[in-house]
Amino acid sequence: MSRRDTSSRAQRALVLAGGGVSGIAWMLRLIDGLRRRGVDLTAADLIVGTSAGARVGAAVATGALEQAVERQRWADTSEIVVPFDPATYFATSTRLEAEAAEPP
């Protein structure tokens, strides 16, 4: 297996950890707070996450961040729900894979 040098393409990465349902809530609110103060983490060239971070990263990468944050504000549920649209997820994954395969 060879490692591809992506340093010339990836300028910024968003790395998200796990943390269960509280981690999802914490990360969503932090990302939303930073966004409202002018820090756009959705512009990251690379988004990676583990467990809860993968769910939040999927929301960020597919443009569902605002919807996920709004879901957090609903008083009628104690669940932490991250919206997931499989078609958007797979389209984004396919696009990112194609971009990664392009020569620098």
PDB file of N, CA and C in Angstrom:
ATOM      1  N   MET A   1       0.843  -1.165   0.000  1.00  0.00           N
ATOM      2  CA  MET A   1       0.000   0.000   0.000  1.00  0.00           C
ATOM      3  C   MET A   1       0.896   1.238   0.000  1.00  0.00           C
ATOM      4  N   SER A   2       0.635   2.151  -0.894  1.00  0.00           N
ATOM      5  CA  SER A   2       1.444   3.364  -0.953  1.00  0.00           C
ATOM      6  C   SER A   2       0.692   4.519  -0.321  1.00  0.00           C
ATOM      7  N   ARG A   3       1.436   5.472   0.186  1.00  0.00           N
ATOM      8  CA  ARG A   3       0.834   6.663   0.772  1.00  0.00           C
ATOM      9  C   ARG A   3       0.955   7.789  -0.227  1.00  0.00           C
ATOM     10  N   ARG A   4      -0.126   8.476  -0.432  1.00  0.00           N
ATOM     11  CA  ARG A   4      -0.182   9.578  -1.372  1.00  0.00           C
ATOM     12  C   ARG A   4       0.131  10.873  -0.631  1.00  0.00           C
ATOM     13  N   ASP A   5       0.955  11.720  -1.227  1.00  0.00           N
ATOM     14  CA  ASP A   5       1.273  13.010  -0.637  1.00  0.00           C
ATOM     15  C   ASP A   5       0.149  13.985  -0.993  1.00  0.00           C
ATOM     16  N   THR A   6      -0.626  14.358   0.012  1.00  0.00           N
ATOM     17  CA  THR A   6      -1.730  15.294  -0.211  1.00  0.00           C
ATOM     18  C   THR A   6      -1.438  16.652   0.402  1.00  0.00           C
ATOM     19  N   SER A   7      -0.229  16.865   0.865  1.00  0.00           N
ATOM     20  CA  SER A   7       0.091  18.102   1.569  1.00  0.00           C
ATOM     21  C   SER A   7      -0.080  19.336   0.699  1.00  0.00           C
ATOM     22  N   SER A   8       0.086  19.200  -0.611  1.00  0.00           N
ATOM     23  CA  SER A   8      -0.055  20.365  -1.481  1.00  0.00           C
ATOM     24  C   SER A   8      -1.524  20.742  -1.678  1.00  0.00           C
ATOM     25  N   ARG A   9      -2.432  19.810  -1.406  1.00  0.00           N
ATOM     26  CA  ARG A   9      -3.855  20.088  -1.590  1.00  0.00           C
ATOM     27  C   ARG A   9      -4.567  20.402  -0.288  1.00  0.00           C
ATOM     28  N   ALA A  10      -4.264  19.693   0.766  1.00  0.00           N
ATOM     29  CA  ALA A  10      -4.955  19.884   2.037  1.00  0.00           C
ATOM     30  C   ALA A  10      -4.278  20.997   2.835  1.00  0.00           C
ATOM     31  N   GLN A  11      -4.995  22.078   3.006  1.00  0.00           N
ATOM     32  CA  GLN A  11      -4.470  23.216   3.761  1.00  0.00           C
ATOM     33  C   GLN A  11      -4.987  23.223   5.191  1.00  0.00           C
ATOM     34  N   ARG A  12      -6.274  22.852   5.363  1.00  0.00           N
ATOM     35  CA  ARG A  12      -6.904  22.875   6.684  1.00  0.00           C
ATOM     36  C   ARG A  12      -7.678  21.588   6.902  1.00  0.00           C
ATOM     37  N   ALA A  13      -7.580  21.062   8.113  1.00  0.00           N
ATOM     38  CA  ALA A  13      -8.324  19.850   8.452  1.00  0.00           C
ATOM     39  C   ALA A  13      -9.159  20.102   9.696  1.00  0.00           C
ATOM     40  N   LEU A  14     -10.333  19.508   9.722  1.00  0.00           N
ATOM     41  CA  LEU A  14     -11.195  19.520  10.894  1.00  0.00           C
ATOM     42  C   LEU A  14     -11.182  18.101  11.432  1.00  0.00           C
ATOM     43  N   VAL A  15     -10.659  17.928  12.639  1.00  0.00           N
ATOM     44  CA  VAL A  15     -10.526  16.612  13.251  1.00  0.00           C
ATOM     45  C   VAL A  15     -11.438  16.575  14.470  1.00  0.00           C
ATOM     46  N   LEU A  16     -12.382  15.638  14.462  1.00  0.00           N
ATOM     47  CA  LEU A  16     -13.388  15.550  15.515  1.00  0.00           C
ATOM     48  C   LEU A  16     -13.265  14.219  16.250  1.00  0.00           C
ATOM     49  N   ALA A  17     -13.370  14.258  17.566  1.00  0.00           N
ATOM     50  CA  ALA A  17     -13.237  13.066  18.401  1.00  0.00           C
ATOM     51  C   ALA A  17     -14.596  12.442  18.680  1.00  0.00           C
ATOM     52  N   GLY A  18     -14.583  11.399  19.470  1.00  0.00           N
ATOM     53  CA  GLY A  18     -15.806  10.741  19.899  1.00  0.00           C
ATOM     54  C   GLY A  18     -16.411  11.470  21.094  1.00  0.00           C
ATOM     55  N   GLY A  19     -17.319  10.800  21.770  1.00  0.00           N
ATOM     56  CA  GLY A  19     -17.911  11.409  22.952  1.00  0.00           C
ATOM     57  C   GLY A  19     -19.380  11.095  23.139  1.00  0.00           C
ATOM     58  N   GLY A  20     -19.890  10.166  22.351  1.00  0.00           N
ATOM     59  CA  GLY A  20     -21.290   9.786  22.514  1.00  0.00           C
ATOM     60  C   GLY A  20     -22.241  10.926  22.211  1.00  0.00           C
ATOM     61  N   VAL A  21     -23.447  10.835  22.765  1.00  0.00           N
ATOM     62  CA  VAL A  21     -24.453  11.849  22.474  1.00  0.00           C
ATOM     63  C   VAL A  21     -24.069  13.214  23.038  1.00  0.00           C
ATOM     64  N   SER A  22     -23.389  13.243  24.165  1.00  0.00           N
ATOM     65  CA  SER A  22     -22.965  14.547  24.701  1.00  0.00           C
ATOM     66  C   SER A  22     -21.864  15.141  23.835  1.00  0.00           C
ATOM     67  N   GLY A  23     -21.021  14.299  23.249  1.00  0.00           N
ATOM     68  CA  GLY A  23     -19.985  14.778  22.340  1.00  0.00           C
ATOM     69  C   GLY A  23     -20.585  15.390  21.091  1.00  0.00           C
ATOM     70  N   ILE A  24     -21.640  14.777  20.573  1.00  0.00           N
ATOM     71  CA  ILE A  24     -22.320  15.333  19.402  1.00  0.00           C
ATOM     72  C   ILE A  24     -22.862  16.712  19.734  1.00  0.00           C
ATOM     73  N   ALA A  25     -23.556  16.823  20.857  1.00  0.00           N
ATOM     74  CA  ALA A  25     -24.125  18.113  21.255  1.00  0.00           C
ATOM     75  C   ALA A  25     -23.034  19.156  21.445  1.00  0.00           C
ATOM     76  N   TRP A  26     -21.960  18.778  22.116  1.00  0.00           N
ATOM     77  CA  TRP A  26     -20.870  19.705  22.395  1.00  0.00           C
ATOM     78  C   TRP A  26     -20.219  20.190  21.101  1.00  0.00           C
ATOM     79  N   MET A  27     -19.912  19.241  20.206  1.00  0.00           N
ATOM     80  CA  MET A  27     -19.248  19.620  18.953  1.00  0.00           C
ATOM     81  C   MET A  27     -20.144  20.475  18.071  1.00  0.00           C
ATOM     82  N   LEU A  28     -21.430  20.117  17.975  1.00  0.00           N
ATOM     83  CA  LEU A  28     -22.346  20.914  17.156  1.00  0.00           C
ATOM     84  C   LEU A  28     -22.439  22.347  17.667  1.00  0.00           C
ATOM     85  N   ARG A  29     -22.574  22.509  18.968  1.00  0.00           N
ATOM     86  CA  ARG A  29     -22.704  23.849  19.533  1.00  0.00           C
ATOM     87  C   ARG A  29     -21.399  24.638  19.381  1.00  0.00           C
ATOM     88  N   LEU A  30     -20.270  23.979  19.546  1.00  0.00           N
ATOM     89  CA  LEU A  30     -18.984  24.656  19.383  1.00  0.00           C
ATOM     90  C   LEU A  30     -18.804  25.111  17.931  1.00  0.00           C
ATOM     91  N   ILE A  31     -19.055  24.231  16.993  1.00  0.00           N
ATOM     92  CA  ILE A  31     -18.907  24.578  15.580  1.00  0.00           C
ATOM     93  C   ILE A  31     -19.875  25.697  15.207  1.00  0.00           C
ATOM     94  N   ASP A  32     -21.114  25.628  15.725  1.00  0.00           N
ATOM     95  CA  ASP A  32     -22.094  26.678  15.454  1.00  0.00           C
ATOM     96  C   ASP A  32     -21.644  28.008  16.061  1.00  0.00           C
ATOM     97  N   GLY A  33     -21.141  27.982  17.282  1.00  0.00           N
ATOM     98  CA  GLY A  33     -20.670  29.212  17.915  1.00  0.00           C
ATOM     99  C   GLY A  33     -19.508  29.841  17.157  1.00  0.00           C
ATOM    100  N   LEU A  34     -18.583  29.028  16.717  1.00  0.00           N
ATOM    101  CA  LEU A  34     -17.455  29.541  15.929  1.00  0.00           C
ATOM    102  C   LEU A  34     -17.946  30.117  14.598  1.00  0.00           C
ATOM    103  N   ARG A  35     -18.900  29.413  13.972  1.00  0.00           N
ATOM    104  CA  ARG A  35     -19.461  29.884  12.693  1.00  0.00           C
ATOM    105  C   ARG A  35     -20.117  31.253  12.871  1.00  0.00           C
ATOM    106  N   ARG A  36     -20.865  31.425  13.959  1.00  0.00           N
ATOM    107  CA  ARG A  36     -21.531  32.706  14.200  1.00  0.00           C
ATOM    108  C   ARG A  36     -20.536  33.827  14.499  1.00  0.00           C
ATOM    109  N   ARG A  37     -19.313  33.474  14.833  1.00  0.00           N
ATOM    110  CA  ARG A  37     -18.273  34.472  15.089  1.00  0.00           C
ATOM    111  C   ARG A  37     -17.282  34.596  13.935  1.00  0.00           C
ATOM    112  N   GLY A  38     -17.669  34.033  12.783  1.00  0.00           N
ATOM    113  CA  GLY A  38     -16.878  34.225  11.578  1.00  0.00           C
ATOM    114  C   GLY A  38     -15.856  33.156  11.266  1.00  0.00           C
ATOM    115  N   VAL A  39     -15.800  32.082  12.037  1.00  0.00           N
ATOM    116  CA  VAL A  39     -14.863  30.986  11.773  1.00  0.00           C
ATOM    117  C   VAL A  39     -15.649  29.870  11.078  1.00  0.00           C
ATOM    118  N   ASP A  40     -15.397  29.687   9.794  1.00  0.00           N
ATOM    119  CA  ASP A  40     -16.149  28.720   8.996  1.00  0.00           C
ATOM    120  C   ASP A  40     -15.392  27.396   8.910  1.00  0.00           C
ATOM    121  N   LEU A  41     -15.719  26.467   9.786  1.00  0.00           N
ATOM    122  CA  LEU A  41     -15.051  25.165   9.777  1.00  0.00           C
ATOM    123  C   LEU A  41     -15.518  24.283   8.619  1.00  0.00           C
ATOM    124  N   THR A  42     -16.625  24.654   7.988  1.00  0.00           N
ATOM    125  CA  THR A  42     -17.097  23.863   6.844  1.00  0.00           C
ATOM    126  C   THR A  42     -16.194  24.039   5.635  1.00  0.00           C
ATOM    127  N   ALA A  43     -15.304  25.018   5.672  1.00  0.00           N
ATOM    128  CA  ALA A  43     -14.388  25.257   4.557  1.00  0.00           C
ATOM    129  C   ALA A  43     -13.122  24.400   4.653  1.00  0.00           C
ATOM    130  N   ALA A  44     -13.073  23.495   5.625  1.00  0.00           N
ATOM    131  CA  ALA A  44     -11.900  22.631   5.781  1.00  0.00           C
ATOM    132  C   ALA A  44     -11.711  21.766   4.540  1.00  0.00           C
ATOM    133  N   ASP A  45     -10.460  21.544   4.176  1.00  0.00           N
ATOM    134  CA  ASP A  45     -10.133  20.703   3.030  1.00  0.00           C
ATOM    135  C   ASP A  45     -10.300  19.215   3.351  1.00  0.00           C
ATOM    136  N   LEU A  46     -10.195  18.889   4.631  1.00  0.00           N
ATOM    137  CA  LEU A  46     -10.275  17.498   5.068  1.00  0.00           C
ATOM    138  C   LEU A  46     -11.064  17.475   6.372  1.00  0.00           C
ATOM    139  N   ILE A  47     -12.052  16.591   6.453  1.00  0.00           N
ATOM    140  CA  ILE A  47     -12.857  16.443   7.668  1.00  0.00           C
ATOM    141  C   ILE A  47     -12.784  14.988   8.079  1.00  0.00           C
ATOM    142  N   VAL A  48     -12.305  14.735   9.292  1.00  0.00           N
ATOM    143  CA  VAL A  48     -12.223  13.368   9.809  1.00  0.00           C
ATOM    144  C   VAL A  48     -12.811  13.341  11.213  1.00  0.00           C
ATOM    145  N   GLY A  49     -13.373  12.199  11.574  1.00  0.00           N
ATOM    146  CA  GLY A  49     -13.945  12.073  12.901  1.00  0.00           C
ATOM    147  C   GLY A  49     -14.032  10.629  13.319  1.00  0.00           C
ATOM    148  N   THR A  50     -14.076  10.435  14.623  1.00  0.00           N
ATOM    149  CA  THR A  50     -14.221   9.116  15.214  1.00  0.00           C
ATOM    150  C   THR A  50     -15.538   9.075  15.976  1.00  0.00           C
ATOM    151  N   SER A  51     -16.333   8.057  15.749  1.00  0.00           N
ATOM    152  CA  SER A  51     -17.576   7.842  16.478  1.00  0.00           C
ATOM    153  C   SER A  51     -18.481   9.072  16.365  1.00  0.00           C
ATOM    154  N   ALA A  52     -18.756   9.742  17.475  1.00  0.00           N
ATOM    155  CA  ALA A  52     -19.615  10.930  17.449  1.00  0.00           C
ATOM    156  C   ALA A  52     -19.052  11.985  16.494  1.00  0.00           C
ATOM    157  N   GLY A  53     -17.738  12.102  16.440  1.00  0.00           N
ATOM    158  CA  GLY A  53     -17.099  13.065  15.551  1.00  0.00           C
ATOM    159  C   GLY A  53     -17.355  12.752  14.083  1.00  0.00           C
ATOM    160  N   ALA A  54     -17.492  11.468  13.768  1.00  0.00           N
ATOM    161  CA  ALA A  54     -17.809  11.080  12.386  1.00  0.00           C
ATOM    162  C   ALA A  54     -19.220  11.518  12.026  1.00  0.00           C
ATOM    163  N   ARG A  55     -20.154  11.406  12.963  1.00  0.00           N
ATOM    164  CA  ARG A  55     -21.536  11.854  12.712  1.00  0.00           C
ATOM    165  C   ARG A  55     -21.575  13.361  12.499  1.00  0.00           C
ATOM    166  N   VAL A  56     -20.881  14.101  13.352  1.00  0.00           N
ATOM    167  CA  VAL A  56     -20.847  15.558  13.222  1.00  0.00           C
ATOM    168  C   VAL A  56     -20.098  15.935  11.939  1.00  0.00           C
ATOM    169  N   GLY A  57     -18.993  15.264  11.669  1.00  0.00           N
ATOM    170  CA  GLY A  57     -18.231  15.534  10.446  1.00  0.00           C
ATOM    171  C   GLY A  57     -19.063  15.311   9.198  1.00  0.00           C
ATOM    172  N   ALA A  58     -19.915  14.284   9.208  1.00  0.00           N
ATOM    173  CA  ALA A  58     -20.803  14.040   8.063  1.00  0.00           C
ATOM    174  C   ALA A  58     -21.777  15.196   7.888  1.00  0.00           C
ATOM    175  N   ALA A  59     -22.290  15.725   8.996  1.00  0.00           N
ATOM    176  CA  ALA A  59     -23.205  16.872   8.918  1.00  0.00           C
ATOM    177  C   ALA A  59     -22.484  18.094   8.360  1.00  0.00           C
ATOM    178  N   VAL A  60     -21.253  18.291   8.786  1.00  0.00           N
ATOM    179  CA  VAL A  60     -20.462  19.428   8.294  1.00  0.00           C
ATOM    180  C   VAL A  60     -20.164  19.257   6.802  1.00  0.00           C
ATOM    181  N   ALA A  61     -19.705  18.065   6.420  1.00  0.00           N
ATOM    182  CA  ALA A  61     -19.282  17.819   5.038  1.00  0.00           C
ATOM    183  C   ALA A  61     -20.431  17.855   4.043  1.00  0.00           C
ATOM    184  N   THR A  62     -21.629  17.475   4.480  1.00  0.00           N
ATOM    185  CA  THR A  62     -22.756  17.397   3.554  1.00  0.00           C
ATOM    186  C   THR A  62     -23.654  18.627   3.594  1.00  0.00           C
ATOM    187  N   GLY A  63     -23.280  19.610   4.397  1.00  0.00           N
ATOM    188  CA  GLY A  63     -24.066  20.834   4.455  1.00  0.00           C
ATOM    189  C   GLY A  63     -25.279  20.754   5.362  1.00  0.00           C
ATOM    190  N   ALA A  64     -25.332  19.758   6.232  1.00  0.00           N
ATOM    191  CA  ALA A  64     -26.474  19.586   7.124  1.00  0.00           C
ATOM    192  C   ALA A  64     -26.218  20.160   8.511  1.00  0.00           C
ATOM    193  N   LEU A  65     -25.175  20.976   8.656  1.00  0.00           N
ATOM    194  CA  LEU A  65     -24.815  21.508   9.976  1.00  0.00           C
ATOM    195  C   LEU A  65     -25.933  22.344  10.577  1.00  0.00           C
ATOM    196  N   GLU A  66     -26.473  23.256   9.818  1.00  0.00           N
ATOM    197  CA  GLU A  66     -27.529  24.144  10.336  1.00  0.00           C
ATOM    198  C   GLU A  66     -28.735  23.335  10.806  1.00  0.00           C
ATOM    199  N   GLN A  67     -29.114  22.340  10.030  1.00  0.00           N
ATOM    200  CA  GLN A  67     -30.244  21.480  10.390  1.00  0.00           C
ATOM    201  C   GLN A  67     -29.947  20.715  11.683  1.00  0.00           C
ATOM    202  N   ALA A  68     -28.731  20.205  11.830  1.00  0.00           N
ATOM    203  CA  ALA A  68     -28.352  19.474  13.032  1.00  0.00           C
ATOM    204  C   ALA A  68     -28.369  20.385  14.255  1.00  0.00           C
ATOM    205  N   VAL A  69     -27.890  21.611  14.104  1.00  0.00           N
ATOM    206  CA  VAL A  69     -27.880  22.560  15.220  1.00  0.00           C
ATOM    207  C   VAL A  69     -29.314  22.912  15.617  1.00  0.00           C
ATOM    208  N   GLU A  70     -30.175  23.134  14.632  1.00  0.00           N
ATOM    209  CA  GLU A  70     -31.573  23.458  14.933  1.00  0.00           C
ATOM    210  C   GLU A  70     -32.255  22.303  15.667  1.00  0.00           C
ATOM    211  N   ARG A  71     -31.943  21.083  15.276  1.00  0.00           N
ATOM    212  CA  ARG A  71     -32.505  19.905  15.955  1.00  0.00           C
ATOM    213  C   ARG A  71     -32.116  19.895  17.424  1.00  0.00           C
ATOM    214  N   GLN A  72     -30.917  20.386  17.727  1.00  0.00           N
ATOM    215  CA  GLN A  72     -30.443  20.449  19.109  1.00  0.00           C
ATOM    216  C   GLN A  72     -31.276  21.408  19.948  1.00  0.00           C
ATOM    217  N   ARG A  73     -31.861  22.391  19.309  1.00  0.00           N
ATOM    218  CA  ARG A  73     -32.612  23.418  20.034  1.00  0.00           C
ATOM    219  C   ARG A  73     -34.052  23.018  20.309  1.00  0.00           C
ATOM    220  N   TRP A  74     -34.528  21.931  19.733  1.00  0.00           N
ATOM    221  CA  TRP A  74     -35.907  21.501  19.934  1.00  0.00           C
ATOM    222  C   TRP A  74     -36.102  21.045  21.376  1.00  0.00           C
ATOM    223  N   ALA A  75     -37.107  21.554  22.012  1.00  0.00           N
ATOM    224  CA  ALA A  75     -37.374  21.206  23.405  1.00  0.00           C
ATOM    225  C   ALA A  75     -38.170  19.903  23.538  1.00  0.00           C
ATOM    226  N   ASP A  76     -38.784  19.433  22.462  1.00  0.00           N
ATOM    227  CA  ASP A  76     -39.658  18.266  22.551  1.00  0.00           C
ATOM    228  C   ASP A  76     -38.931  16.923  22.446  1.00  0.00           C
ATOM    229  N   THR A  77     -37.638  16.936  22.434  1.00  0.00           N
ATOM    230  CA  THR A  77     -36.905  15.677  22.355  1.00  0.00           C
ATOM    231  C   THR A  77     -35.677  15.717  23.256  1.00  0.00           C
ATOM    232  N   SER A  78     -35.376  14.588  23.845  1.00  0.00           N
ATOM    233  CA  SER A  78     -34.143  14.484  24.625  1.00  0.00           C
ATOM    234  C   SER A  78     -33.060  13.791  23.804  1.00  0.00           C
ATOM    235  N   GLU A  79     -33.428  13.360  22.610  1.00  0.00           N
ATOM    236  CA  GLU A  79     -32.469  12.706  21.719  1.00  0.00           C
ATOM    237  C   GLU A  79     -31.598  13.735  21.012  1.00  0.00           C
ATOM    238  N   ILE A  80     -30.394  13.356  20.743  1.00  0.00           N
ATOM    239  CA  ILE A  80     -29.496  14.180  19.947  1.00  0.00           C
ATOM    240  C   ILE A  80     -29.480  13.545  18.568  1.00  0.00           C
ATOM    241  N   VAL A  81     -30.040  14.245  17.610  1.00  0.00           N
ATOM    242  CA  VAL A  81     -30.216  13.697  16.279  1.00  0.00           C
ATOM    243  C   VAL A  81     -29.368  14.478  15.292  1.00  0.00           C
ATOM    244  N   VAL A  82     -28.578  13.772  14.537  1.00  0.00           N
ATOM    245  CA  VAL A  82     -27.809  14.382  13.456  1.00  0.00           C
ATOM    246  C   VAL A  82     -28.447  13.911  12.160  1.00  0.00           C
ATOM    247  N   PRO A  83     -29.002  14.838  11.374  1.00  0.00           N
ATOM    248  CA  PRO A  83     -29.660  14.425  10.140  1.00  0.00           C
ATOM    249  C   PRO A  83     -28.671  13.773   9.176  1.00  0.00           C
ATOM    250  N   PHE A  84     -29.145  12.779   8.482  1.00  0.00           N
ATOM    251  CA  PHE A  84     -28.283  12.058   7.564  1.00  0.00           C
ATOM    252  C   PHE A  84     -29.041  11.806   6.273  1.00  0.00           C
ATOM    253  N   ASP A  85     -28.518  12.299   5.190  1.00  0.00           N
ATOM    254  CA  ASP A  85     -29.103  12.078   3.869  1.00  0.00           C
ATOM    255  C   ASP A  85     -28.126  11.203   3.091  1.00  0.00           C
ATOM    256  N   PRO A  86     -28.427   9.921   2.940  1.00  0.00           N
ATOM    257  CA  PRO A  86     -27.480   9.009   2.284  1.00  0.00           C
ATOM    258  C   PRO A  86     -27.056   9.458   0.890  1.00  0.00           C
ATOM    259  N   ALA A  87     -27.986   9.991   0.105  1.00  0.00           N
ATOM    260  CA  ALA A  87     -27.639  10.400  -1.264  1.00  0.00           C
ATOM    261  C   ALA A  87     -26.597  11.513  -1.246  1.00  0.00           C
ATOM    262  N   THR A  88     -26.776  12.499  -0.377  1.00  0.00           N
ATOM    263  CA  THR A  88     -25.810  13.594  -0.268  1.00  0.00           C
ATOM    264  C   THR A  88     -24.478  13.079   0.254  1.00  0.00           C
ATOM    265  N   TYR A  89     -24.536  12.195   1.246  1.00  0.00           N
ATOM    266  CA  TYR A  89     -23.310  11.635   1.816  1.00  0.00           C
ATOM    267  C   TYR A  89     -22.499  10.899   0.751  1.00  0.00           C
ATOM    268  N   PHE A  90     -23.147  10.032  -0.009  1.00  0.00           N
ATOM    269  CA  PHE A  90     -22.428   9.254  -1.019  1.00  0.00           C
ATOM    270  C   PHE A  90     -21.947  10.134  -2.171  1.00  0.00           C
ATOM    271  N   ALA A  91     -22.729  11.138  -2.539  1.00  0.00           N
ATOM    272  CA  ALA A  91     -22.295  12.066  -3.590  1.00  0.00           C
ATOM    273  C   ALA A  91     -21.062  12.843  -3.131  1.00  0.00           C
ATOM    274  N   THR A  92     -21.070  13.286  -1.885  1.00  0.00           N
ATOM    275  CA  THR A  92     -19.917  14.015  -1.338  1.00  0.00           C
ATOM    276  C   THR A  92     -18.708  13.098  -1.245  1.00  0.00           C
ATOM    277  N   SER A  93     -18.909  11.872  -0.769  1.00  0.00           N
ATOM    278  CA  SER A  93     -17.808  10.912  -0.664  1.00  0.00           C
ATOM    279  C   SER A  93     -17.197  10.618  -2.030  1.00  0.00           C
ATOM    280  N   THR A  94     -18.042  10.434  -3.030  1.00  0.00           N
ATOM    281  CA  THR A  94     -17.566  10.157  -4.390  1.00  0.00           C
ATOM    282  C   THR A  94     -16.771  11.337  -4.929  1.00  0.00           C
ATOM    283  N   ARG A  95     -17.272  12.556  -4.709  1.00  0.00           N
ATOM    284  CA  ARG A  95     -16.575  13.760  -5.181  1.00  0.00           C
ATOM    285  C   ARG A  95     -15.217  13.896  -4.500  1.00  0.00           C
ATOM    286  N   LEU A  96     -15.176  13.695  -3.182  1.00  0.00           N
ATOM    287  CA  LEU A  96     -13.911  13.820  -2.453  1.00  0.00           C
ATOM    288  C   LEU A  96     -12.909  12.758  -2.895  1.00  0.00           C
ATOM    289  N   GLU A  97     -13.390  11.556  -3.149  1.00  0.00           N
ATOM    290  CA  GLU A  97     -12.513  10.480  -3.617  1.00  0.00           C
ATOM    291  C   GLU A  97     -11.925  10.825  -4.989  1.00  0.00           C
ATOM    292  N   ALA A  98     -12.757  11.367  -5.867  1.00  0.00           N
ATOM    293  CA  ALA A  98     -12.288  11.762  -7.211  1.00  0.00           C
ATOM    294  C   ALA A  98     -11.273  12.881  -7.115  1.00  0.00           C
ATOM    295  N   GLU A  99     -11.536  13.853  -6.234  1.00  0.00           N
ATOM    296  CA  GLU A  99     -10.583  14.961  -6.061  1.00  0.00           C
ATOM    297  C   GLU A  99      -9.249  14.464  -5.508  1.00  0.00           C
ATOM    298  N   ALA A 100      -9.309  13.498  -4.601  1.00  0.00           N
ATOM    299  CA  ALA A 100      -8.078  12.962  -4.015  1.00  0.00           C
ATOM    300  C   ALA A 100      -7.258  12.198  -5.042  1.00  0.00           C
ATOM    301  N   ALA A 101      -7.919  11.620  -6.045  1.00  0.00           N
ATOM    302  CA  ALA A 101      -7.232  10.835  -7.058  1.00  0.00           C
ATOM    303  C   ALA A 101      -6.612  11.720  -8.149  1.00  0.00           C
ATOM    304  N   GLU A 102      -7.025  12.981  -8.211  1.00  0.00           N
ATOM    305  CA  GLU A 102      -6.489  13.888  -9.233  1.00  0.00           C
ATOM    306  C   GLU A 102      -5.019  14.172  -8.946  1.00  0.00           C
ATOM    307  N   PRO A 103      -4.207  14.201  -9.979  1.00  0.00           N
ATOM    308  CA  PRO A 103      -2.801  14.549  -9.758  1.00  0.00           C
ATOM    309  C   PRO A 103      -2.675  16.008  -9.294  1.00  0.00           C
ATOM    310  N   PRO A 104      -1.668  16.284  -8.459  1.00  0.00           N
ATOM    311  CA  PRO A 104      -1.504  17.661  -7.947  1.00  0.00           C
ATOM    312  C   PRO A 104      -1.194  18.659  -9.039  1.00  0.00           C
TER     313      PRO A 104
END
